[in-house]
């Protein structure tokens, strides 16, 4: 018997969390780990008390043929990363690692999970130091959040 490495162990837990997602396009699960302890979890879904896409049976962005990664302001969901951060105390996010897993809602295939620019800003402000995102079962990408600070994608075209 081989023992699962710790990063994939936490990604497996994020996979379980994404099963609560209410999105009709993409299901994401996130967990925040600090000092080898899970401090918060989050999945993408409508804000508390609001009806979600799964119950409504409709996705506004899909109906408008909006490509993935665009026009998030039209989405009913709060992203998994944001929901995890909202549920955590700042003292627990400083220096923590965020684990992120995603699946296509229709095919259930693993998708290459990546944080959008809005979530990146929130992750930076939460003081999280690393994001580990599943790419396949057993494989993942690890990003140092400081790279998002130094390679500021919000300045693209702004300084020209």
N, C-alpha and C. Protein backbone atom coordinates (compact mmCIF):
# COMPACT_ATOMS: atom_id res chain seq x y z
N UNK A 1 0.85 -1.18 0.00
CA UNK A 1 0.00 0.00 0.00
C UNK A 1 0.89 1.25 0.00
N UNK A 2 0.57 2.20 -0.87
CA UNK A 2 1.30 3.46 -0.89
C UNK A 2 0.44 4.55 -0.25
N UNK A 3 1.11 5.42 0.43
CA UNK A 3 0.43 6.50 1.13
C UNK A 3 0.31 7.70 0.21
N UNK A 4 -0.87 8.30 0.16
CA UNK A 4 -1.13 9.48 -0.66
C UNK A 4 -0.30 10.64 -0.14
N UNK A 5 0.38 11.38 -1.05
CA UNK A 5 1.14 12.54 -0.61
C UNK A 5 0.19 13.61 -0.08
N UNK A 6 0.72 14.48 0.75
CA UNK A 6 -0.11 15.43 1.47
C UNK A 6 -0.85 16.40 0.55
N UNK A 7 -0.19 16.90 -0.51
CA UNK A 7 -0.87 17.83 -1.41
C UNK A 7 -2.06 17.17 -2.09
N UNK A 8 -1.92 15.94 -2.56
CA UNK A 8 -3.05 15.25 -3.17
C UNK A 8 -4.11 14.87 -2.15
N UNK A 9 -3.71 14.63 -0.94
CA UNK A 9 -4.68 14.39 0.15
C UNK A 9 -5.60 15.60 0.30
N UNK A 10 -4.99 16.80 0.38
CA UNK A 10 -5.80 18.01 0.53
C UNK A 10 -6.61 18.30 -0.73
N UNK A 11 -6.04 18.01 -1.90
CA UNK A 11 -6.79 18.20 -3.14
C UNK A 11 -7.98 17.24 -3.21
N UNK A 12 -7.82 16.03 -2.69
CA UNK A 12 -8.93 15.08 -2.63
C UNK A 12 -10.06 15.61 -1.75
N UNK A 13 -9.70 16.28 -0.67
CA UNK A 13 -10.72 16.89 0.19
C UNK A 13 -11.41 18.03 -0.56
N UNK A 14 -10.63 18.83 -1.30
CA UNK A 14 -11.23 19.90 -2.10
C UNK A 14 -12.19 19.31 -3.14
N UNK A 15 -11.86 18.14 -3.67
CA UNK A 15 -12.76 17.45 -4.61
C UNK A 15 -14.08 17.09 -3.93
N UNK A 16 -14.02 16.67 -2.69
CA UNK A 16 -15.25 16.37 -1.96
C UNK A 16 -16.06 17.63 -1.72
N UNK A 17 -15.39 18.72 -1.41
CA UNK A 17 -16.07 20.00 -1.18
C UNK A 17 -16.80 20.46 -2.44
N UNK A 18 -16.21 20.26 -3.62
CA UNK A 18 -16.85 20.73 -4.85
C UNK A 18 -18.17 20.04 -5.13
N UNK A 19 -18.41 18.90 -4.49
CA UNK A 19 -19.69 18.21 -4.67
C UNK A 19 -20.87 19.01 -4.15
N UNK A 20 -20.62 20.05 -3.35
CA UNK A 20 -21.68 20.94 -2.86
C UNK A 20 -21.97 22.10 -3.82
N UNK A 21 -21.16 22.24 -4.86
CA UNK A 21 -21.33 23.33 -5.81
C UNK A 21 -22.72 23.31 -6.44
N UNK A 22 -23.23 24.51 -6.72
CA UNK A 22 -24.54 24.61 -7.35
C UNK A 22 -24.46 25.21 -8.75
N UNK A 23 -23.25 25.28 -9.31
CA UNK A 23 -23.04 25.84 -10.64
C UNK A 23 -23.35 24.80 -11.71
N UNK A 24 -23.96 25.23 -12.79
CA UNK A 24 -24.31 24.33 -13.90
C UNK A 24 -23.18 24.20 -14.91
N UNK A 25 -22.13 25.02 -14.81
CA UNK A 25 -21.01 24.99 -15.76
C UNK A 25 -19.77 24.33 -15.18
N UNK A 26 -19.30 24.86 -14.08
CA UNK A 26 -18.06 24.41 -13.46
C UNK A 26 -18.28 24.27 -11.96
N UNK A 27 -17.76 23.20 -11.41
CA UNK A 27 -17.87 22.99 -9.96
C UNK A 27 -16.46 23.07 -9.38
N UNK A 28 -16.29 23.94 -8.38
CA UNK A 28 -15.00 24.13 -7.74
C UNK A 28 -15.13 23.91 -6.24
N UNK A 29 -14.07 23.38 -5.68
CA UNK A 29 -13.95 23.24 -4.23
C UNK A 29 -12.60 23.78 -3.81
N UNK A 30 -12.58 24.48 -2.69
CA UNK A 30 -11.34 25.07 -2.17
C UNK A 30 -11.24 24.78 -0.69
N UNK A 31 -10.02 24.55 -0.24
CA UNK A 31 -9.77 24.45 1.20
C UNK A 31 -8.54 25.28 1.52
N UNK A 32 -8.54 25.85 2.70
CA UNK A 32 -7.40 26.61 3.18
C UNK A 32 -6.76 25.80 4.30
N UNK A 33 -5.46 25.60 4.17
CA UNK A 33 -4.71 24.82 5.14
C UNK A 33 -3.61 25.70 5.72
N UNK A 34 -3.55 25.75 7.04
CA UNK A 34 -2.52 26.52 7.73
C UNK A 34 -1.92 25.64 8.81
N UNK A 35 -0.60 25.54 8.80
CA UNK A 35 0.11 24.68 9.76
C UNK A 35 -0.45 23.26 9.77
N UNK A 36 -0.70 22.75 8.56
CA UNK A 36 -1.18 21.38 8.37
C UNK A 36 -2.54 21.12 9.00
N UNK A 37 -3.35 22.17 9.07
CA UNK A 37 -4.69 22.05 9.62
C UNK A 37 -5.67 22.77 8.69
N UNK A 38 -6.77 22.11 8.37
CA UNK A 38 -7.79 22.73 7.51
C UNK A 38 -8.53 23.77 8.34
N UNK A 39 -8.52 25.02 7.84
CA UNK A 39 -9.17 26.10 8.59
C UNK A 39 -10.47 26.56 7.94
N UNK A 40 -10.66 26.28 6.64
CA UNK A 40 -11.90 26.69 5.98
C UNK A 40 -12.06 25.94 4.67
N UNK A 41 -13.29 25.82 4.24
CA UNK A 41 -13.61 25.25 2.94
C UNK A 41 -14.57 26.16 2.22
N UNK A 42 -14.65 26.02 0.90
CA UNK A 42 -15.60 26.80 0.12
C UNK A 42 -15.86 26.14 -1.21
N UNK A 43 -17.04 26.36 -1.72
CA UNK A 43 -17.41 25.88 -3.06
C UNK A 43 -18.15 27.00 -3.75
N UNK A 44 -18.27 26.90 -5.08
CA UNK A 44 -18.96 27.97 -5.81
C UNK A 44 -20.46 27.74 -5.78
N UNK A 45 -21.15 28.83 -5.46
CA UNK A 45 -22.60 28.79 -5.38
C UNK A 45 -23.16 30.16 -5.08
N UNK A 46 -24.46 30.29 -5.19
CA UNK A 46 -25.14 31.57 -4.97
C UNK A 46 -24.93 32.04 -3.52
N UNK A 47 -24.97 33.35 -3.30
CA UNK A 47 -24.87 33.86 -1.93
C UNK A 47 -25.97 33.28 -1.04
N UNK A 48 -25.66 33.16 0.23
CA UNK A 48 -26.63 32.59 1.19
C UNK A 48 -27.99 33.26 1.04
N UNK A 49 -29.02 32.44 1.00
CA UNK A 49 -30.38 32.94 0.93
C UNK A 49 -30.89 33.20 -0.48
N UNK A 50 -29.99 33.27 -1.46
CA UNK A 50 -30.42 33.47 -2.84
C UNK A 50 -30.59 32.12 -3.54
N UNK A 51 -31.48 32.10 -4.50
CA UNK A 51 -31.68 30.88 -5.27
C UNK A 51 -30.47 30.64 -6.17
N UNK A 52 -30.08 29.40 -6.30
CA UNK A 52 -28.90 29.07 -7.09
C UNK A 52 -29.28 28.51 -8.46
N UNK A 53 -28.31 28.45 -9.33
CA UNK A 53 -28.53 28.01 -10.72
C UNK A 53 -29.04 26.58 -10.79
N UNK A 54 -28.52 25.72 -9.92
CA UNK A 54 -28.95 24.33 -9.91
C UNK A 54 -30.45 24.23 -9.65
N UNK A 55 -30.95 25.00 -8.67
CA UNK A 55 -32.39 24.99 -8.36
C UNK A 55 -33.21 25.70 -9.43
N UNK A 56 -32.64 26.77 -10.02
CA UNK A 56 -33.35 27.50 -11.07
C UNK A 56 -33.35 26.74 -12.38
N UNK A 57 -32.35 25.88 -12.56
CA UNK A 57 -32.22 25.11 -13.81
C UNK A 57 -31.72 25.94 -14.97
N UNK A 58 -31.09 27.07 -14.68
CA UNK A 58 -30.61 27.95 -15.74
C UNK A 58 -29.33 28.66 -15.31
N UNK A 59 -28.43 28.83 -16.27
CA UNK A 59 -27.20 29.59 -16.08
C UNK A 59 -27.27 30.80 -17.02
N UNK A 60 -27.26 31.98 -16.45
CA UNK A 60 -27.36 33.20 -17.25
C UNK A 60 -26.21 33.31 -18.24
N UNK A 61 -25.00 33.05 -17.78
CA UNK A 61 -23.84 33.18 -18.66
C UNK A 61 -23.89 32.16 -19.80
N UNK A 62 -24.37 30.97 -19.51
CA UNK A 62 -24.50 29.96 -20.55
C UNK A 62 -25.57 30.35 -21.57
N UNK A 63 -26.70 30.85 -21.09
CA UNK A 63 -27.78 31.29 -21.99
C UNK A 63 -27.33 32.41 -22.91
N UNK A 64 -26.41 33.24 -22.44
CA UNK A 64 -25.90 34.36 -23.24
C UNK A 64 -24.65 33.97 -24.05
N UNK A 65 -24.29 32.68 -23.99
CA UNK A 65 -23.10 32.16 -24.71
C UNK A 65 -21.83 32.92 -24.34
N UNK A 66 -21.68 33.22 -23.07
CA UNK A 66 -20.48 33.91 -22.59
C UNK A 66 -19.40 32.86 -22.37
N UNK A 67 -18.23 33.06 -22.97
CA UNK A 67 -17.13 32.09 -22.80
C UNK A 67 -16.67 31.99 -21.34
N UNK A 68 -16.10 30.84 -21.00
CA UNK A 68 -15.53 30.66 -19.67
C UNK A 68 -14.49 31.75 -19.42
N UNK A 69 -14.49 32.27 -18.19
CA UNK A 69 -13.50 33.27 -17.82
C UNK A 69 -13.90 34.70 -18.10
N UNK A 70 -15.10 34.91 -18.63
CA UNK A 70 -15.53 36.27 -18.96
C UNK A 70 -16.84 36.62 -18.27
N UNK A 71 -17.03 37.91 -18.05
CA UNK A 71 -18.30 38.49 -17.56
C UNK A 71 -18.82 37.86 -16.27
N UNK A 72 -17.90 37.69 -15.29
CA UNK A 72 -18.29 37.08 -14.02
C UNK A 72 -19.36 37.89 -13.28
N UNK A 73 -19.48 39.17 -13.60
CA UNK A 73 -20.49 39.98 -12.92
C UNK A 73 -21.91 39.51 -13.21
N UNK A 74 -22.09 38.72 -14.27
CA UNK A 74 -23.40 38.18 -14.61
C UNK A 74 -23.69 36.84 -13.93
N UNK A 75 -22.71 36.31 -13.25
CA UNK A 75 -22.84 35.00 -12.60
C UNK A 75 -23.49 35.16 -11.23
N UNK A 76 -24.34 34.20 -10.86
CA UNK A 76 -24.99 34.21 -9.56
C UNK A 76 -24.07 33.73 -8.44
N UNK A 77 -23.00 33.04 -8.79
CA UNK A 77 -22.16 32.37 -7.80
C UNK A 77 -21.08 33.24 -7.19
N UNK A 78 -20.75 32.90 -5.96
CA UNK A 78 -19.54 33.36 -5.30
C UNK A 78 -18.54 32.24 -5.52
N UNK A 79 -17.30 32.58 -5.90
CA UNK A 79 -16.31 31.56 -6.22
C UNK A 79 -15.86 30.80 -4.97
N UNK A 80 -15.39 29.58 -5.19
CA UNK A 80 -14.98 28.70 -4.09
C UNK A 80 -13.88 29.33 -3.24
N UNK A 81 -12.88 29.95 -3.90
CA UNK A 81 -11.79 30.56 -3.17
C UNK A 81 -12.30 31.67 -2.25
N UNK A 82 -13.21 32.50 -2.78
CA UNK A 82 -13.76 33.59 -1.98
C UNK A 82 -14.57 33.06 -0.81
N UNK A 83 -15.38 32.03 -1.05
CA UNK A 83 -16.18 31.46 0.04
C UNK A 83 -15.30 30.88 1.13
N UNK A 84 -14.19 30.24 0.76
CA UNK A 84 -13.27 29.71 1.77
C UNK A 84 -12.65 30.84 2.58
N UNK A 85 -12.22 31.89 1.89
CA UNK A 85 -11.59 33.03 2.58
C UNK A 85 -12.59 33.74 3.49
N UNK A 86 -13.81 33.89 3.03
CA UNK A 86 -14.85 34.53 3.85
C UNK A 86 -15.07 33.75 5.14
N UNK A 87 -14.94 32.43 5.07
CA UNK A 87 -15.20 31.57 6.24
C UNK A 87 -14.02 31.47 7.19
N UNK A 88 -12.88 32.03 6.83
CA UNK A 88 -11.68 31.90 7.64
C UNK A 88 -11.36 33.22 8.35
N UNK A 89 -10.70 33.10 9.48
CA UNK A 89 -10.16 34.29 10.16
C UNK A 89 -8.86 34.67 9.48
N UNK A 90 -8.58 35.95 9.38
CA UNK A 90 -7.34 36.41 8.71
C UNK A 90 -6.10 35.81 9.35
N UNK A 91 -6.10 35.65 10.66
CA UNK A 91 -4.93 35.06 11.32
C UNK A 91 -4.66 33.64 10.81
N UNK A 92 -5.70 32.98 10.30
CA UNK A 92 -5.53 31.61 9.78
C UNK A 92 -5.19 31.58 8.30
N UNK A 93 -5.37 32.69 7.60
CA UNK A 93 -5.03 32.71 6.17
C UNK A 93 -3.62 33.23 5.94
N UNK A 94 -3.08 34.00 6.87
CA UNK A 94 -1.72 34.52 6.72
C UNK A 94 -0.72 33.37 6.68
N UNK A 95 -0.05 33.21 5.55
CA UNK A 95 0.92 32.14 5.40
C UNK A 95 0.33 30.80 5.05
N UNK A 96 -0.96 30.75 4.77
CA UNK A 96 -1.65 29.48 4.48
C UNK A 96 -1.50 29.09 3.02
N UNK A 97 -1.94 27.88 2.74
CA UNK A 97 -2.01 27.36 1.37
C UNK A 97 -3.47 27.13 1.03
N UNK A 98 -3.86 27.54 -0.18
CA UNK A 98 -5.21 27.28 -0.68
C UNK A 98 -5.12 26.15 -1.71
N UNK A 99 -5.92 25.12 -1.51
CA UNK A 99 -6.00 23.99 -2.45
C UNK A 99 -7.29 24.14 -3.25
N UNK A 100 -7.18 23.97 -4.57
CA UNK A 100 -8.31 24.20 -5.46
C UNK A 100 -8.48 23.03 -6.43
N UNK A 101 -9.70 22.54 -6.52
CA UNK A 101 -10.03 21.46 -7.46
C UNK A 101 -11.28 21.87 -8.24
N UNK A 102 -11.34 21.46 -9.50
CA UNK A 102 -12.50 21.80 -10.33
C UNK A 102 -12.89 20.65 -11.23
N UNK A 103 -14.18 20.61 -11.56
CA UNK A 103 -14.73 19.62 -12.48
C UNK A 103 -15.77 20.29 -13.37
N UNK A 104 -15.87 19.81 -14.59
CA UNK A 104 -16.91 20.25 -15.50
C UNK A 104 -18.24 19.72 -14.97
N UNK A 105 -19.24 20.57 -14.87
CA UNK A 105 -20.52 20.17 -14.29
C UNK A 105 -21.28 19.16 -15.15
N UNK A 106 -21.07 19.18 -16.44
CA UNK A 106 -21.80 18.26 -17.33
C UNK A 106 -21.10 16.91 -17.49
N UNK A 107 -19.79 16.93 -17.66
CA UNK A 107 -19.04 15.70 -17.93
C UNK A 107 -18.39 15.12 -16.68
N UNK A 108 -18.27 15.90 -15.63
CA UNK A 108 -17.61 15.54 -14.38
C UNK A 108 -16.11 15.31 -14.55
N UNK A 109 -15.56 15.73 -15.69
CA UNK A 109 -14.12 15.60 -15.92
C UNK A 109 -13.37 16.65 -15.11
N UNK A 110 -12.19 16.28 -14.62
CA UNK A 110 -11.32 17.23 -13.93
C UNK A 110 -10.94 18.32 -14.91
N UNK A 111 -11.05 19.55 -14.46
CA UNK A 111 -10.60 20.68 -15.28
C UNK A 111 -9.36 21.28 -14.62
N UNK A 112 -8.55 21.90 -15.41
CA UNK A 112 -7.34 22.55 -14.92
C UNK A 112 -7.78 23.76 -14.10
N UNK A 113 -7.84 23.60 -12.80
CA UNK A 113 -8.35 24.65 -11.92
C UNK A 113 -7.37 25.82 -11.86
N UNK A 114 -7.91 27.01 -12.03
CA UNK A 114 -7.10 28.23 -11.93
C UNK A 114 -7.97 29.34 -11.37
N UNK A 115 -7.39 30.17 -10.54
CA UNK A 115 -8.14 31.28 -9.95
C UNK A 115 -8.27 32.42 -10.95
N UNK A 116 -9.44 33.03 -10.99
CA UNK A 116 -9.67 34.19 -11.86
C UNK A 116 -8.96 35.41 -11.25
N UNK A 117 -8.93 36.49 -11.99
CA UNK A 117 -8.23 37.69 -11.52
C UNK A 117 -8.89 38.28 -10.27
N UNK A 118 -10.21 38.17 -10.15
CA UNK A 118 -10.88 38.67 -8.94
C UNK A 118 -10.45 37.85 -7.73
N UNK A 119 -10.44 36.53 -7.87
CA UNK A 119 -10.04 35.67 -6.75
C UNK A 119 -8.57 35.86 -6.41
N UNK A 120 -7.75 36.10 -7.42
CA UNK A 120 -6.32 36.34 -7.15
C UNK A 120 -6.14 37.55 -6.24
N UNK A 121 -6.89 38.60 -6.48
CA UNK A 121 -6.78 39.80 -5.64
C UNK A 121 -7.19 39.48 -4.20
N UNK A 122 -8.25 38.72 -4.03
CA UNK A 122 -8.72 38.36 -2.69
C UNK A 122 -7.70 37.45 -2.00
N UNK A 123 -7.14 36.50 -2.74
CA UNK A 123 -6.13 35.59 -2.19
C UNK A 123 -4.90 36.39 -1.73
N UNK A 124 -4.47 37.34 -2.54
CA UNK A 124 -3.32 38.19 -2.17
C UNK A 124 -3.62 38.91 -0.86
N UNK A 125 -4.78 39.55 -0.77
CA UNK A 125 -5.12 40.32 0.43
C UNK A 125 -5.32 39.44 1.66
N UNK A 126 -5.70 38.19 1.46
CA UNK A 126 -5.88 37.28 2.60
C UNK A 126 -4.55 36.84 3.19
N UNK A 127 -3.45 37.09 2.47
CA UNK A 127 -2.14 36.69 2.97
C UNK A 127 -1.79 35.24 2.71
N UNK A 128 -2.55 34.60 1.84
CA UNK A 128 -2.25 33.21 1.46
C UNK A 128 -0.95 33.22 0.65
N UNK A 129 -0.08 32.25 0.89
CA UNK A 129 1.23 32.27 0.24
C UNK A 129 1.33 31.34 -0.96
N UNK A 130 0.53 30.28 -0.99
CA UNK A 130 0.60 29.33 -2.12
C UNK A 130 -0.80 28.90 -2.51
N UNK A 131 -0.96 28.64 -3.82
CA UNK A 131 -2.19 28.03 -4.32
C UNK A 131 -1.77 26.77 -5.06
N UNK A 132 -2.37 25.67 -4.66
CA UNK A 132 -2.10 24.38 -5.30
C UNK A 132 -3.39 23.95 -5.97
N UNK A 133 -3.34 23.84 -7.30
CA UNK A 133 -4.53 23.58 -8.10
C UNK A 133 -4.38 22.26 -8.85
N UNK A 134 -5.37 21.41 -8.72
CA UNK A 134 -5.36 20.11 -9.38
C UNK A 134 -5.45 20.28 -10.89
N UNK A 135 -4.65 19.50 -11.63
CA UNK A 135 -4.70 19.49 -13.09
C UNK A 135 -5.20 18.14 -13.60
N UNK A 136 -4.81 17.07 -12.94
CA UNK A 136 -5.32 15.71 -13.22
C UNK A 136 -5.34 14.99 -11.88
N UNK A 137 -5.89 13.79 -11.86
CA UNK A 137 -5.87 13.03 -10.62
C UNK A 137 -4.41 12.69 -10.31
N UNK A 138 -3.90 13.24 -9.24
CA UNK A 138 -2.53 13.00 -8.84
C UNK A 138 -1.54 14.07 -9.27
N UNK A 139 -1.95 15.00 -10.14
CA UNK A 139 -1.05 16.05 -10.59
C UNK A 139 -1.65 17.42 -10.28
N UNK A 140 -0.76 18.39 -10.09
CA UNK A 140 -1.22 19.72 -9.72
C UNK A 140 -0.17 20.76 -10.09
N UNK A 141 -0.61 22.01 -10.12
CA UNK A 141 0.28 23.16 -10.28
C UNK A 141 0.37 23.87 -8.94
N UNK A 142 1.56 24.34 -8.61
CA UNK A 142 1.75 25.10 -7.39
C UNK A 142 2.21 26.50 -7.78
N UNK A 143 1.50 27.51 -7.28
CA UNK A 143 1.82 28.90 -7.56
C UNK A 143 2.14 29.62 -6.27
N UNK A 144 3.23 30.36 -6.27
CA UNK A 144 3.53 31.25 -5.15
C UNK A 144 2.75 32.53 -5.38
N UNK A 145 1.94 32.91 -4.43
CA UNK A 145 1.08 34.09 -4.58
C UNK A 145 1.91 35.35 -4.81
N UNK A 146 3.11 35.41 -4.28
CA UNK A 146 3.97 36.58 -4.51
C UNK A 146 4.20 36.81 -6.01
N UNK A 147 4.16 35.74 -6.81
CA UNK A 147 4.30 35.90 -8.26
C UNK A 147 3.14 36.69 -8.85
N UNK A 148 1.95 36.53 -8.28
CA UNK A 148 0.80 37.32 -8.74
C UNK A 148 0.97 38.79 -8.37
N UNK A 149 1.66 39.05 -7.28
CA UNK A 149 1.93 40.43 -6.88
C UNK A 149 2.94 41.05 -7.84
N UNK A 150 4.03 40.35 -8.09
CA UNK A 150 5.10 40.88 -8.95
C UNK A 150 4.68 40.94 -10.42
N UNK A 151 3.95 39.95 -10.89
CA UNK A 151 3.48 39.92 -12.29
C UNK A 151 2.03 40.41 -12.31
N UNK A 152 1.84 41.66 -12.02
CA UNK A 152 0.51 42.25 -11.85
C UNK A 152 -0.26 42.29 -13.17
N UNK A 153 -1.17 41.31 -13.34
CA UNK A 153 -1.95 41.22 -14.57
C UNK A 153 -2.95 42.36 -14.71
N UNK A 154 -3.23 43.10 -13.65
CA UNK A 154 -4.17 44.22 -13.74
C UNK A 154 -3.54 45.43 -14.43
N UNK A 155 -2.21 45.40 -14.63
CA UNK A 155 -1.53 46.51 -15.29
C UNK A 155 -1.40 46.31 -16.79
N UNK A 156 -1.83 45.19 -17.30
CA UNK A 156 -1.72 44.92 -18.72
C UNK A 156 -2.38 46.03 -19.52
N UNK A 157 -1.60 46.72 -20.30
CA UNK A 157 -2.11 47.82 -21.13
C UNK A 157 -2.26 49.14 -20.39
N UNK A 158 -2.25 49.12 -19.05
CA UNK A 158 -2.46 50.35 -18.29
C UNK A 158 -1.26 51.28 -18.32
N UNK A 159 -0.08 50.73 -18.54
CA UNK A 159 1.12 51.56 -18.49
C UNK A 159 1.64 51.93 -19.88
N UNK A 160 0.89 51.68 -20.89
CA UNK A 160 1.35 51.96 -22.27
C UNK A 160 1.01 53.36 -22.68
